[in-house]
Amino acid sequence: MGRLRNCIETRLSHGRAEEKGLANQISVRLYIPMTYDEVFKALADPTRRAIFEKLAVHGRNAKQLREGLGVSQPAVSQHLAALRSAGLVRERKEGRFVHYEVDPDGIGFLGAWLQKYRAYWPARMDDLNALLKDMDQ
C-alpha cells in the first residue's frame, strides 16, 4: 500500500512579509497513505464514475464536466473533491480555470489491485466455456 493520496497543503506566511502585504509564503505538503476502500467508495457513486470516465477521455474544467450530467456546479465540485481525495484525479490551474485530469498514479494503484486477481480470470473463463458447451448438448 505504498500509494499516496493527493496531499494536504498548508500555507505558512512569514510574519514580516504578512505585515508588509508581501506574498512570501511557503507551501507544506503532508502525504497520507490512501486505501483501496477510498478508491472504490469514490467510484461507487454513478455521478463520480461519469465524471471520471469523461476525464479518462481528456482533461476538462468543472464547467465542461458539468455539461450533460444534470447536476449543479457545487455538486460537481464535491464529486471532484472526492475523486481527488481518493487519488484518482489531479488538478492544475490554467488561467482563470482549474483543469482536471485522471491521475495516472491512481489508475496504477487500482491496476495493481486488479492484477492480483488477473491470474484467476483465464481459469474461470475456461470453466464458463465448458459449462456453455455442456448446456448446448
C-alpha atoms as a PDB file:
ATOM      1  CA  MET A   1       0.000   0.000   0.000  1.00  0.00           C
ATOM      2  CA  GLY A   2       2.733   2.411  -0.955  1.00  0.00           C
ATOM      3  CA  ARG A   3       0.395   4.685  -2.926  1.00  0.00           C
ATOM      4  CA  LEU A   4      -0.008   8.179  -1.562  1.00  0.00           C
ATOM      5  CA  ARG A   5      -3.177  10.204  -1.813  1.00  0.00           C
ATOM      6  CA  ASN A   6      -3.160  13.768  -3.066  1.00  0.00           C
ATOM      7  CA  CYS A   7      -1.511  15.898  -0.489  1.00  0.00           C
ATOM      8  CA  ILE A   8      -2.981  18.280   2.030  1.00  0.00           C
ATOM      9  CA  GLU A   9      -1.357  21.657   1.500  1.00  0.00           C
ATOM     10  CA  THR A  10      -0.896  24.283   4.173  1.00  0.00           C
ATOM     11  CA  ARG A  11       0.488  27.739   3.562  1.00  0.00           C
ATOM     12  CA  LEU A  12       2.723  29.338   6.133  1.00  0.00           C
ATOM     13  CA  SER A  13       3.483  33.041   5.994  1.00  0.00           C
ATOM     14  CA  HIS A  14       6.470  34.863   7.375  1.00  0.00           C
ATOM     15  CA  GLY A  15       5.248  37.430   9.935  1.00  0.00           C
ATOM     16  CA  ARG A  16       7.015  40.482   8.497  1.00  0.00           C
ATOM     17  CA  ALA A  17       6.043  39.650   4.943  1.00  0.00           C
ATOM     18  CA  GLU A  18       2.442  39.491   6.088  1.00  0.00           C
ATOM     19  CA  GLU A  19       2.729  42.921   7.744  1.00  0.00           C
ATOM     20  CA  LYS A  20       4.100  44.450   4.568  1.00  0.00           C
ATOM     21  CA  GLY A  21       1.451  42.703   2.461  1.00  0.00           C
ATOM     22  CA  LEU A  22       4.034  40.634   0.590  1.00  0.00           C
ATOM     23  CA  ALA A  23       3.124  37.202  -0.658  1.00  0.00           C
ATOM     24  CA  ASN A  24       6.118  35.430   0.875  1.00  0.00           C
ATOM     25  CA  GLN A  25       4.576  32.026   1.551  1.00  0.00           C
ATOM     26  CA  ILE A  26       5.929  28.533   1.962  1.00  0.00           C
ATOM     27  CA  SER A  27       3.827  25.536   0.961  1.00  0.00           C
ATOM     28  CA  VAL A  28       3.965  22.499   3.223  1.00  0.00           C
ATOM     29  CA  ARG A  29       2.591  19.223   1.886  1.00  0.00           C
ATOM     30  CA  LEU A  30       1.512  16.315   4.043  1.00  0.00           C
ATOM     31  CA  TYR A  31       1.133  12.974   2.278  1.00  0.00           C
ATOM     32  CA  ILE A  32      -1.326  10.454   3.691  1.00  0.00           C
ATOM     33  CA  PRO A  33      -1.483   6.798   2.589  1.00  0.00           C
ATOM     34  CA  MET A  34      -4.682   6.002   0.686  1.00  0.00           C
ATOM     35  CA  THR A  35      -6.653   2.779   0.860  1.00  0.00           C
ATOM     36  CA  TYR A  36      -8.487   0.631  -1.661  1.00  0.00           C
ATOM     37  CA  ASP A  37     -11.702   1.380   0.242  1.00  0.00           C
ATOM     38  CA  GLU A  38     -11.344   5.086  -0.550  1.00  0.00           C
ATOM     39  CA  VAL A  39     -10.853   4.391  -4.249  1.00  0.00           C
ATOM     40  CA  PHE A  40     -13.822   2.024  -4.524  1.00  0.00           C
ATOM     41  CA  LYS A  41     -16.033   4.288  -2.418  1.00  0.00           C
ATOM     42  CA  ALA A  42     -15.213   7.207  -4.725  1.00  0.00           C
ATOM     43  CA  LEU A  43     -16.071   5.150  -7.811  1.00  0.00           C
ATOM     44  CA  ALA A  44     -19.228   3.649  -6.270  1.00  0.00           C
ATOM     45  CA  ASP A  45     -21.202   6.824  -6.992  1.00  0.00           C
ATOM     46  CA  PRO A  46     -22.626   6.865 -10.570  1.00  0.00           C
ATOM     47  CA  THR A  47     -22.072  10.618 -10.999  1.00  0.00           C
ATOM     48  CA  ARG A  48     -18.449  10.319  -9.878  1.00  0.00           C
ATOM     49  CA  ARG A  49     -17.930   7.442 -12.286  1.00  0.00           C
ATOM     50  CA  ALA A  50     -19.403   9.545 -15.108  1.00  0.00           C
ATOM     51  CA  ILE A  51     -17.044  12.409 -14.227  1.00  0.00           C
ATOM     52  CA  PHE A  52     -14.102  10.011 -14.028  1.00  0.00           C
ATOM     53  CA  GLU A  53     -14.988   8.491 -17.415  1.00  0.00           C
ATOM     54  CA  LYS A  54     -15.197  11.957 -19.000  1.00  0.00           C
ATOM     55  CA  LEU A  55     -11.778  12.778 -17.588  1.00  0.00           C
ATOM     56  CA  ALA A  56     -10.381   9.470 -18.856  1.00  0.00           C
ATOM     57  CA  VAL A  57     -11.101  10.664 -22.411  1.00  0.00           C
ATOM     58  CA  HIS A  58      -9.365  14.018 -21.838  1.00  0.00           C
ATOM     59  CA  GLY A  59      -8.954  16.639 -19.137  1.00  0.00           C
ATOM     60  CA  ARG A  60     -11.592  19.311 -18.632  1.00  0.00           C
ATOM     61  CA  ASN A  61     -12.549  22.161 -16.344  1.00  0.00           C
ATOM     62  CA  ALA A  62     -15.512  21.927 -13.955  1.00  0.00           C
ATOM     63  CA  LYS A  63     -17.852  23.790 -16.317  1.00  0.00           C
ATOM     64  CA  GLN A  64     -17.089  21.351 -19.139  1.00  0.00           C
ATOM     65  CA  LEU A  65     -17.531  18.395 -16.792  1.00  0.00           C
ATOM     66  CA  ARG A  66     -20.954  19.624 -15.712  1.00  0.00           C
ATOM     67  CA  GLU A  67     -22.314  19.541 -19.282  1.00  0.00           C
ATOM     68  CA  GLY A  68     -24.649  16.583 -19.734  1.00  0.00           C
ATOM     69  CA  LEU A  69     -24.531  15.478 -16.088  1.00  0.00           C
ATOM     70  CA  GLY A  70     -27.607  17.321 -14.850  1.00  0.00           C
ATOM     71  CA  VAL A  71     -26.006  18.309 -11.541  1.00  0.00           C
ATOM     72  CA  SER A  72     -25.162  21.682 -10.030  1.00  0.00           C
ATOM     73  CA  GLN A  73     -21.718  23.271 -10.034  1.00  0.00           C
ATOM     74  CA  PRO A  74     -21.336  22.759  -6.244  1.00  0.00           C
ATOM     75  CA  ALA A  75     -22.217  19.065  -6.689  1.00  0.00           C
ATOM     76  CA  VAL A  76     -19.559  18.680  -9.408  1.00  0.00           C
ATOM     77  CA  SER A  77     -17.039  20.347  -7.088  1.00  0.00           C
ATOM     78  CA  GLN A  78     -17.907  17.931  -4.272  1.00  0.00           C
ATOM     79  CA  HIS A  79     -17.574  14.928  -6.575  1.00  0.00           C
ATOM     80  CA  LEU A  80     -14.226  16.200  -7.852  1.00  0.00           C
ATOM     81  CA  ALA A  81     -13.044  16.655  -4.258  1.00  0.00           C
ATOM     82  CA  ALA A  82     -13.927  13.016  -3.505  1.00  0.00           C
ATOM     83  CA  LEU A  83     -12.098  11.816  -6.624  1.00  0.00           C
ATOM     84  CA  ARG A  84      -9.063  13.948  -5.751  1.00  0.00           C
ATOM     85  CA  SER A  85      -9.079  12.688  -2.177  1.00  0.00           C
ATOM     86  CA  ALA A  86      -9.089   9.102  -3.464  1.00  0.00           C
ATOM     87  CA  GLY A  87      -6.080   9.920  -5.647  1.00  0.00           C
ATOM     88  CA  LEU A  88      -7.936   9.309  -8.919  1.00  0.00           C
ATOM     89  CA  VAL A  89      -7.990  12.893 -10.211  1.00  0.00           C
ATOM     90  CA  ARG A  90      -5.484  15.731 -10.131  1.00  0.00           C
ATOM     91  CA  GLU A  91      -5.881  19.404 -10.915  1.00  0.00           C
ATOM     92  CA  ARG A  92      -3.815  22.237 -12.327  1.00  0.00           C
ATOM     93  CA  LYS A  93      -4.523  25.911 -12.734  1.00  0.00           C
ATOM     94  CA  GLU A  94      -4.892  27.208 -16.305  1.00  0.00           C
ATOM     95  CA  GLY A  95      -5.514  30.933 -16.250  1.00  0.00           C
ATOM     96  CA  ARG A  96      -8.862  31.533 -14.550  1.00  0.00           C
ATOM     97  CA  PHE A  97      -9.863  27.883 -14.687  1.00  0.00           C
ATOM     98  CA  VAL A  98      -8.829  24.745 -12.858  1.00  0.00           C
ATOM     99  CA  HIS A  99      -8.164  21.880 -15.258  1.00  0.00           C
ATOM    100  CA  TYR A 100      -8.900  18.341 -14.011  1.00  0.00           C
ATOM    101  CA  GLU A 101      -7.434  15.119 -15.362  1.00  0.00           C
ATOM    102  CA  VAL A 102      -7.104  11.473 -14.377  1.00  0.00           C
ATOM    103  CA  ASP A 103      -4.114  10.890 -12.104  1.00  0.00           C
ATOM    104  CA  PRO A 104      -2.059   8.059 -13.668  1.00  0.00           C
ATOM    105  CA  ASP A 105      -0.745   7.081 -10.226  1.00  0.00           C
ATOM    106  CA  GLY A 106      -4.303   6.477  -9.015  1.00  0.00           C
ATOM    107  CA  ILE A 107      -5.048   4.292 -12.008  1.00  0.00           C
ATOM    108  CA  GLY A 108      -1.810   2.411 -11.398  1.00  0.00           C
ATOM    109  CA  PHE A 109      -2.825   1.832  -7.789  1.00  0.00           C
ATOM    110  CA  LEU A 110      -6.166   0.410  -8.932  1.00  0.00           C
ATOM    111  CA  GLY A 111      -4.487  -1.618 -11.678  1.00  0.00           C
ATOM    112  CA  ALA A 112      -2.107  -3.182  -9.158  1.00  0.00           C
ATOM    113  CA  TRP A 113      -5.069  -4.372  -7.104  1.00  0.00           C
ATOM    114  CA  LEU A 114      -6.790  -5.851 -10.160  1.00  0.00           C
ATOM    115  CA  GLN A 115      -3.560  -7.530 -11.279  1.00  0.00           C
ATOM    116  CA  LYS A 116      -3.598  -9.717  -8.164  1.00  0.00           C
ATOM    117  CA  TYR A 117      -6.823 -11.328  -9.401  1.00  0.00           C
ATOM    118  CA  ARG A 118      -5.977 -11.496 -13.102  1.00  0.00           C
ATOM    119  CA  ALA A 119      -4.491 -14.999 -12.701  1.00  0.00           C
ATOM    120  CA  TYR A 120      -7.958 -16.324 -11.795  1.00  0.00           C
ATOM    121  CA  TRP A 121      -9.693 -14.982 -14.907  1.00  0.00           C
ATOM    122  CA  PRO A 122      -8.489 -17.494 -17.552  1.00  0.00           C
ATOM    123  CA  ALA A 123      -9.425 -20.488 -15.384  1.00  0.00           C
ATOM    124  CA  ARG A 124     -12.873 -19.035 -14.710  1.00  0.00           C
ATOM    125  CA  MET A 125     -13.392 -18.338 -18.424  1.00  0.00           C
ATOM    126  CA  ASP A 126     -12.409 -21.943 -19.217  1.00  0.00           C
ATOM    127  CA  ASP A 127     -14.981 -23.133 -16.662  1.00  0.00           C
ATOM    128  CA  LEU A 128     -17.619 -20.901 -18.261  1.00  0.00           C
ATOM    129  CA  ASN A 129     -16.796 -22.188 -21.755  1.00  0.00           C
ATOM    130  CA  ALA A 130     -17.066 -25.798 -20.542  1.00  0.00           C
ATOM    131  CA  LEU A 131     -20.422 -25.052 -18.903  1.00  0.00           C
ATOM    132  CA  LEU A 132     -21.767 -23.408 -22.060  1.00  0.00           C
ATOM    133  CA  LYS A 133     -20.673 -26.398 -24.175  1.00  0.00           C
ATOM    134  CA  ASP A 134     -22.421 -28.769 -21.751  1.00  0.00           C
ATOM    135  CA  MET A 135     -25.588 -26.663 -21.944  1.00  0.00           C
ATOM    136  CA  ASP A 136     -25.555 -26.772 -25.766  1.00  0.00           C
ATOM    137  CA  GLN A 137     -25.510 -30.597 -25.792  1.00  0.00           C
END
